[in-house]
């Protein structure tokens, strides 16, 4: 089960939401040279809990 926390509060996600980080490396033979990592966009259901937690961002 994936969990997304904002200030320690869990965001309500759909059961099929996958949170998988992505990694970028300049040389795949040297994984210690990772330049940056990021997470892809996540869609958040428009529940009252999520609106209260995210405010105008929801």
C-alpha atoms as a PDB file:
ATOM      1  CA  UNK A   1       0.000   0.000   0.000  1.00  0.00           C
ATOM      2  CA  UNK A   2       1.303   3.428  -0.962  1.00  0.00           C
ATOM      3  CA  UNK A   3       0.950   6.391   1.314  1.00  0.00           C
ATOM      4  CA  UNK A   4       1.474  10.084   0.601  1.00  0.00           C
ATOM      5  CA  UNK A   5       1.954  12.273   3.670  1.00  0.00           C
ATOM      6  CA  UNK A   6       1.737  16.060   3.818  1.00  0.00           C
ATOM      7  CA  UNK A   7       2.873  17.474   7.150  1.00  0.00           C
ATOM      8  CA  UNK A   8       2.349  14.023   8.655  1.00  0.00           C
ATOM      9  CA  UNK A   9      -1.251  13.701   7.424  1.00  0.00           C
ATOM     10  CA  UNK A  10      -2.138  10.987   4.911  1.00  0.00           C
ATOM     11  CA  UNK A  11      -3.641  12.131   1.606  1.00  0.00           C
ATOM     12  CA  UNK A  12      -6.579  10.018   0.455  1.00  0.00           C
ATOM     13  CA  UNK A  13      -5.473   8.080  -2.639  1.00  0.00           C
ATOM     14  CA  UNK A  14      -7.302   5.713  -4.943  1.00  0.00           C
ATOM     15  CA  UNK A  15      -6.476   2.041  -4.250  1.00  0.00           C
ATOM     16  CA  UNK A  16      -4.877   1.698  -7.695  1.00  0.00           C
ATOM     17  CA  UNK A  17      -2.545   4.706  -7.260  1.00  0.00           C
ATOM     18  CA  UNK A  18       1.107   3.747  -7.697  1.00  0.00           C
ATOM     19  CA  UNK A  19       3.792   6.018  -6.260  1.00  0.00           C
ATOM     20  CA  UNK A  20       7.020   5.026  -7.940  1.00  0.00           C
ATOM     21  CA  UNK A  21      10.095   7.273  -7.783  1.00  0.00           C
ATOM     22  CA  UNK A  22      12.150   7.811 -10.914  1.00  0.00           C
ATOM     23  CA  UNK A  23      15.904   8.161 -10.997  1.00  0.00           C
ATOM     24  CA  UNK A  24      18.150   9.901 -13.502  1.00  0.00           C
ATOM     25  CA  UNK A  25      21.797   8.898 -13.868  1.00  0.00           C
ATOM     26  CA  UNK A  26      24.325  10.135 -16.386  1.00  0.00           C
ATOM     27  CA  UNK A  27      26.042   6.731 -16.491  1.00  0.00           C
ATOM     28  CA  UNK A  28      23.858   3.689 -15.791  1.00  0.00           C
ATOM     29  CA  UNK A  29      26.986   1.625 -15.020  1.00  0.00           C
ATOM     30  CA  UNK A  30      27.688   3.974 -12.091  1.00  0.00           C
ATOM     31  CA  UNK A  31      24.442   4.263 -10.104  1.00  0.00           C
ATOM     32  CA  UNK A  32      26.218   6.369  -7.483  1.00  0.00           C
ATOM     33  CA  UNK A  33      26.298   9.212 -10.017  1.00  0.00           C
ATOM     34  CA  UNK A  34      22.545   9.801  -9.848  1.00  0.00           C
ATOM     35  CA  UNK A  35      21.974  13.425 -10.820  1.00  0.00           C
ATOM     36  CA  UNK A  36      18.482  13.799  -9.447  1.00  0.00           C
ATOM     37  CA  UNK A  37      15.427  11.855  -8.450  1.00  0.00           C
ATOM     38  CA  UNK A  38      11.806  12.838  -8.710  1.00  0.00           C
ATOM     39  CA  UNK A  39       8.317  11.480  -8.429  1.00  0.00           C
ATOM     40  CA  UNK A  40       5.825  11.630 -11.270  1.00  0.00           C
ATOM     41  CA  UNK A  41       2.542  13.543 -11.047  1.00  0.00           C
ATOM     42  CA  UNK A  42      -0.096  12.011  -8.828  1.00  0.00           C
ATOM     43  CA  UNK A  43      -3.840  12.506  -9.228  1.00  0.00           C
ATOM     44  CA  UNK A  44      -5.627  12.954  -5.930  1.00  0.00           C
ATOM     45  CA  UNK A  45      -9.360  12.256  -5.603  1.00  0.00           C
ATOM     46  CA  UNK A  46     -11.471  15.331  -4.842  1.00  0.00           C
ATOM     47  CA  UNK A  47     -12.650  14.231  -1.410  1.00  0.00           C
ATOM     48  CA  UNK A  48     -13.526  16.665   1.374  1.00  0.00           C
ATOM     49  CA  UNK A  49     -10.506  15.376   3.355  1.00  0.00           C
ATOM     50  CA  UNK A  50      -8.126  16.086   0.451  1.00  0.00           C
ATOM     51  CA  UNK A  51      -9.651  19.527  -0.163  1.00  0.00           C
ATOM     52  CA  UNK A  52      -9.212  20.418   3.495  1.00  0.00           C
ATOM     53  CA  UNK A  53      -5.618  19.144   3.494  1.00  0.00           C
ATOM     54  CA  UNK A  54      -4.548  20.692   0.186  1.00  0.00           C
ATOM     55  CA  UNK A  55      -6.657  23.859   0.230  1.00  0.00           C
ATOM     56  CA  UNK A  56      -6.499  25.682  -3.118  1.00  0.00           C
ATOM     57  CA  UNK A  57      -4.205  23.022  -4.630  1.00  0.00           C
ATOM     58  CA  UNK A  58      -6.975  20.407  -4.645  1.00  0.00           C
END
